[in-house]
Amino acid sequence: MKRTPPKAKKAPTGPSQRQLRAGELMRHALVEILREEDFTDEALAGVSVTITEVRMSPDLRHAMCFIEPLGGKNAEAVVKALTLHTKFLRGRLGRSIDMKFTPELKFMHDESFNEATRIGALFDNPKVRQDLTPDTPSDSWKDED
């Protein structure tokens, strides 16, 4: 009797449930820390920062934090300031989350808002808008009897 070879398992295509759960835990904790702390850095003084997403590595040792300052202004300066305060944030994070290891933090500007604005502008273009609206039916297809 012939034996069929076992089917190869596909590699996971996205983050695991564990990574997603840890990322959300980190995001909520970072939001609380940023809300409570007063930073002396000029780039962070009086700036409201939104943490849109935290992506965790599979081993949960590294966290990539995507941020967007309110209004999208001075995003590069805010990212640099948060990068300078990474050790302080990581120390506070270690006390507020219940994980075996406190992950290394890397801050990046979230470009999805800029991309959404660009796509919205494309849809508002009159040439594109004519393709999106259905044509009015013409009477040319009717039989003339």
C-alpha atoms as a PDB file:
ATOM      1  CA  MET A   1       0.000   0.000   0.000  1.00  0.00           C
ATOM      2  CA  LYS A   2       1.284   3.418  -0.994  1.00  0.00           C
ATOM      3  CA  ARG A   3       1.888   5.975   1.626  1.00  0.00           C
ATOM      4  CA  THR A   4       0.968   9.571   0.915  1.00  0.00           C
ATOM      5  CA  PRO A   5       3.528  12.127   2.014  1.00  0.00           C
ATOM      6  CA  PRO A   6       2.428  14.456   4.794  1.00  0.00           C
ATOM      7  CA  LYS A   7       1.211  17.835   3.662  1.00  0.00           C
ATOM      8  CA  ALA A   8       3.660  20.624   4.243  1.00  0.00           C
ATOM      9  CA  LYS A   9       2.495  23.184   6.746  1.00  0.00           C
ATOM     10  CA  LYS A  10       2.430  26.757   5.531  1.00  0.00           C
ATOM     11  CA  ALA A  11       4.320  29.341   7.465  1.00  0.00           C
ATOM     12  CA  PRO A  12       2.088  31.815   9.294  1.00  0.00           C
ATOM     13  CA  THR A  13       1.398  34.853   7.164  1.00  0.00           C
ATOM     14  CA  GLY A  14       0.803  37.398   9.902  1.00  0.00           C
ATOM     15  CA  PRO A  15       1.420  38.007  13.570  1.00  0.00           C
ATOM     16  CA  SER A  16       0.248  35.422  16.065  1.00  0.00           C
ATOM     17  CA  GLN A  17      -2.487  36.027  18.613  1.00  0.00           C
ATOM     18  CA  ARG A  18       0.213  36.257  21.256  1.00  0.00           C
ATOM     19  CA  GLN A  19       2.028  39.023  19.360  1.00  0.00           C
ATOM     20  CA  LEU A  20      -1.200  40.944  18.793  1.00  0.00           C
ATOM     21  CA  ARG A  21      -2.224  40.672  22.454  1.00  0.00           C
ATOM     22  CA  ALA A  22       1.225  41.740  23.679  1.00  0.00           C
ATOM     23  CA  GLY A  23       1.248  44.634  21.194  1.00  0.00           C
ATOM     24  CA  GLU A  24      -2.091  45.934  22.459  1.00  0.00           C
ATOM     25  CA  LEU A  25      -0.930  45.576  26.071  1.00  0.00           C
ATOM     26  CA  MET A  26       2.182  47.582  25.234  1.00  0.00           C
ATOM     27  CA  ARG A  27       0.201  50.223  23.329  1.00  0.00           C
ATOM     28  CA  HIS A  28      -2.207  50.810  26.218  1.00  0.00           C
ATOM     29  CA  ALA A  29       0.641  50.984  28.736  1.00  0.00           C
ATOM     30  CA  LEU A  30       2.630  53.436  26.595  1.00  0.00           C
ATOM     31  CA  VAL A  31      -0.435  55.649  26.161  1.00  0.00           C
ATOM     32  CA  GLU A  32      -0.851  55.826  29.927  1.00  0.00           C
ATOM     33  CA  ILE A  33       2.828  56.634  30.447  1.00  0.00           C
ATOM     34  CA  LEU A  34       2.805  59.381  27.812  1.00  0.00           C
ATOM     35  CA  ARG A  35      -0.412  60.795  29.269  1.00  0.00           C
ATOM     36  CA  GLU A  36       0.906  60.917  32.840  1.00  0.00           C
ATOM     37  CA  GLU A  37       4.494  62.048  32.300  1.00  0.00           C
ATOM     38  CA  ASP A  38       5.697  65.577  31.682  1.00  0.00           C
ATOM     39  CA  PHE A  39       8.745  65.575  29.435  1.00  0.00           C
ATOM     40  CA  THR A  40      11.202  68.448  29.507  1.00  0.00           C
ATOM     41  CA  ASP A  41      12.066  67.893  25.860  1.00  0.00           C
ATOM     42  CA  GLU A  42      10.914  70.797  23.642  1.00  0.00           C
ATOM     43  CA  ALA A  43       9.671  68.444  20.927  1.00  0.00           C
ATOM     44  CA  LEU A  44       7.346  66.650  23.380  1.00  0.00           C
ATOM     45  CA  ALA A  45       6.223  69.639  25.448  1.00  0.00           C
ATOM     46  CA  GLY A  46       2.537  70.233  24.870  1.00  0.00           C
ATOM     47  CA  VAL A  47       2.332  67.726  22.020  1.00  0.00           C
ATOM     48  CA  SER A  48      -0.383  65.095  22.012  1.00  0.00           C
ATOM     49  CA  VAL A  49       1.025  61.856  20.603  1.00  0.00           C
ATOM     50  CA  THR A  50      -1.157  59.039  19.294  1.00  0.00           C
ATOM     51  CA  ILE A  51       0.293  55.542  19.375  1.00  0.00           C
ATOM     52  CA  THR A  52      -1.512  53.917  16.489  1.00  0.00           C
ATOM     53  CA  GLU A  53       0.039  50.450  16.645  1.00  0.00           C
ATOM     54  CA  VAL A  54       2.710  48.419  18.388  1.00  0.00           C
ATOM     55  CA  ARG A  55       4.123  45.488  16.419  1.00  0.00           C
ATOM     56  CA  MET A  56       5.898  42.868  18.449  1.00  0.00           C
ATOM     57  CA  SER A  57       8.610  40.512  17.237  1.00  0.00           C
ATOM     58  CA  PRO A  58       7.799  36.783  17.442  1.00  0.00           C
ATOM     59  CA  ASP A  59       9.963  36.402  20.560  1.00  0.00           C
ATOM     60  CA  LEU A  60       8.341  39.520  22.154  1.00  0.00           C
ATOM     61  CA  ARG A  61      11.778  41.086  22.755  1.00  0.00           C
ATOM     62  CA  HIS A  62      11.374  43.992  20.321  1.00  0.00           C
ATOM     63  CA  ALA A  63       8.483  46.396  19.840  1.00  0.00           C
ATOM     64  CA  MET A  64       8.037  48.730  16.895  1.00  0.00           C
ATOM     65  CA  CYS A  65       5.800  51.605  17.972  1.00  0.00           C
ATOM     66  CA  PHE A  66       4.043  53.630  15.284  1.00  0.00           C
ATOM     67  CA  ILE A  67       3.187  57.154  16.394  1.00  0.00           C
ATOM     68  CA  GLU A  68       1.398  60.171  14.982  1.00  0.00           C
ATOM     69  CA  PRO A  69       1.551  63.605  16.628  1.00  0.00           C
ATOM     70  CA  LEU A  70      -1.738  65.467  16.727  1.00  0.00           C
ATOM     71  CA  GLY A  71      -2.074  67.351  13.465  1.00  0.00           C
ATOM     72  CA  GLY A  72       0.863  65.440  11.968  1.00  0.00           C
ATOM     73  CA  LYS A  73       3.234  68.353  12.533  1.00  0.00           C
ATOM     74  CA  ASN A  74       6.885  67.906  13.566  1.00  0.00           C
ATOM     75  CA  ALA A  75       6.601  64.129  13.334  1.00  0.00           C
ATOM     76  CA  GLU A  76      10.329  63.591  12.814  1.00  0.00           C
ATOM     77  CA  ALA A  77      11.213  65.735  15.840  1.00  0.00           C
ATOM     78  CA  VAL A  78       8.712  63.839  18.012  1.00  0.00           C
ATOM     79  CA  VAL A  79      10.102  60.474  16.879  1.00  0.00           C
ATOM     80  CA  LYS A  80      13.654  61.632  17.680  1.00  0.00           C
ATOM     81  CA  ALA A  81      12.563  62.896  21.104  1.00  0.00           C
ATOM     82  CA  LEU A  82      10.814  59.629  21.947  1.00  0.00           C
ATOM     83  CA  THR A  83      13.875  57.721  20.768  1.00  0.00           C
ATOM     84  CA  LEU A  84      16.008  59.795  23.159  1.00  0.00           C
ATOM     85  CA  HIS A  85      13.658  58.898  26.033  1.00  0.00           C
ATOM     86  CA  THR A  86      13.498  55.191  25.145  1.00  0.00           C
ATOM     87  CA  LYS A  87      15.367  54.028  28.268  1.00  0.00           C
ATOM     88  CA  PHE A  88      13.088  56.021  30.559  1.00  0.00           C
ATOM     89  CA  LEU A  89       9.968  54.766  28.775  1.00  0.00           C
ATOM     90  CA  ARG A  90      11.198  51.188  28.857  1.00  0.00           C
ATOM     91  CA  GLY A  91      11.877  51.452  32.595  1.00  0.00           C
ATOM     92  CA  ARG A  92       8.381  52.773  33.288  1.00  0.00           C
ATOM     93  CA  LEU A  93       6.925  50.168  30.948  1.00  0.00           C
ATOM     94  CA  GLY A  94       8.644  47.352  32.857  1.00  0.00           C
ATOM     95  CA  ARG A  95       6.822  48.384  36.029  1.00  0.00           C
ATOM     96  CA  SER A  96       3.419  48.698  34.378  1.00  0.00           C
ATOM     97  CA  ILE A  97       3.177  45.527  32.263  1.00  0.00           C
ATOM     98  CA  ASP A  98       3.245  41.924  33.353  1.00  0.00           C
ATOM     99  CA  MET A  99       5.609  40.303  30.873  1.00  0.00           C
ATOM    100  CA  LYS A 100       8.703  38.190  31.355  1.00  0.00           C
ATOM    101  CA  PHE A 101      10.869  40.673  29.417  1.00  0.00           C
ATOM    102  CA  THR A 102      10.403  44.341  28.752  1.00  0.00           C
ATOM    103  CA  PRO A 103      10.863  44.724  25.005  1.00  0.00           C
ATOM    104  CA  GLU A 104      13.283  47.083  23.307  1.00  0.00           C
ATOM    105  CA  LEU A 105      11.347  50.025  21.886  1.00  0.00           C
ATOM    106  CA  LYS A 106      11.713  51.533  18.443  1.00  0.00           C
ATOM    107  CA  PHE A 107       9.570  54.507  17.454  1.00  0.00           C
ATOM    108  CA  MET A 108       8.519  55.223  13.881  1.00  0.00           C
ATOM    109  CA  HIS A 109       6.191  57.757  12.279  1.00  0.00           C
ATOM    110  CA  ASP A 110       2.947  56.173  11.079  1.00  0.00           C
ATOM    111  CA  GLU A 111       2.653  56.954   7.371  1.00  0.00           C
ATOM    112  CA  SER A 112      -0.840  55.463   7.005  1.00  0.00           C
ATOM    113  CA  PHE A 113      -2.514  58.830   7.656  1.00  0.00           C
ATOM    114  CA  ASN A 114      -0.514  60.474   4.873  1.00  0.00           C
ATOM    115  CA  GLU A 115      -1.332  57.591   2.550  1.00  0.00           C
ATOM    116  CA  ALA A 116      -5.056  57.849   3.350  1.00  0.00           C
ATOM    117  CA  THR A 117      -4.959  61.583   2.575  1.00  0.00           C
ATOM    118  CA  ARG A 118      -3.205  60.892  -0.727  1.00  0.00           C
ATOM    119  CA  ILE A 119      -5.765  58.258  -1.734  1.00  0.00           C
ATOM    120  CA  GLY A 120      -8.616  60.582  -0.737  1.00  0.00           C
ATOM    121  CA  ALA A 121      -7.149  63.276  -2.978  1.00  0.00           C
ATOM    122  CA  LEU A 122      -6.965  60.760  -5.829  1.00  0.00           C
ATOM    123  CA  PHE A 123     -10.649  59.914  -5.425  1.00  0.00           C
ATOM    124  CA  ASP A 124     -11.517  63.628  -5.484  1.00  0.00           C
ATOM    125  CA  ASN A 125      -9.788  64.071  -8.841  1.00  0.00           C
ATOM    126  CA  PRO A 126     -12.480  64.725 -11.516  1.00  0.00           C
ATOM    127  CA  LYS A 127     -10.926  62.216 -13.948  1.00  0.00           C
ATOM    128  CA  VAL A 128     -11.088  59.455 -11.342  1.00  0.00           C
ATOM    129  CA  ARG A 129     -14.502  60.529 -10.055  1.00  0.00           C
ATOM    130  CA  GLN A 130     -16.057  60.021 -13.513  1.00  0.00           C
ATOM    131  CA  ASP A 131     -14.904  56.406 -13.418  1.00  0.00           C
ATOM    132  CA  LEU A 132     -16.389  55.892  -9.961  1.00  0.00           C
ATOM    133  CA  THR A 133     -19.867  57.251 -10.713  1.00  0.00           C
ATOM    134  CA  PRO A 134     -22.129  55.023 -12.774  1.00  0.00           C
ATOM    135  CA  ASP A 135     -22.943  56.259 -16.234  1.00  0.00           C
ATOM    136  CA  THR A 136     -26.457  57.392 -16.933  1.00  0.00           C
ATOM    137  CA  PRO A 137     -28.144  54.885 -19.207  1.00  0.00           C
ATOM    138  CA  SER A 138     -28.418  56.101 -22.743  1.00  0.00           C
ATOM    139  CA  ASP A 139     -31.297  55.388 -25.062  1.00  0.00           C
ATOM    140  CA  SER A 140     -29.014  54.242 -27.884  1.00  0.00           C
ATOM    141  CA  TRP A 141     -29.317  50.578 -27.009  1.00  0.00           C
ATOM    142  CA  LYS A 142     -33.081  50.433 -27.468  1.00  0.00           C
ATOM    143  CA  ASP A 143     -34.467  48.936 -30.633  1.00  0.00           C
ATOM    144  CA  GLU A 144     -36.004  51.408 -32.954  1.00  0.00           C
ATOM    145  CA  ASP A 145     -39.177  49.849 -34.351  1.00  0.00           C
END
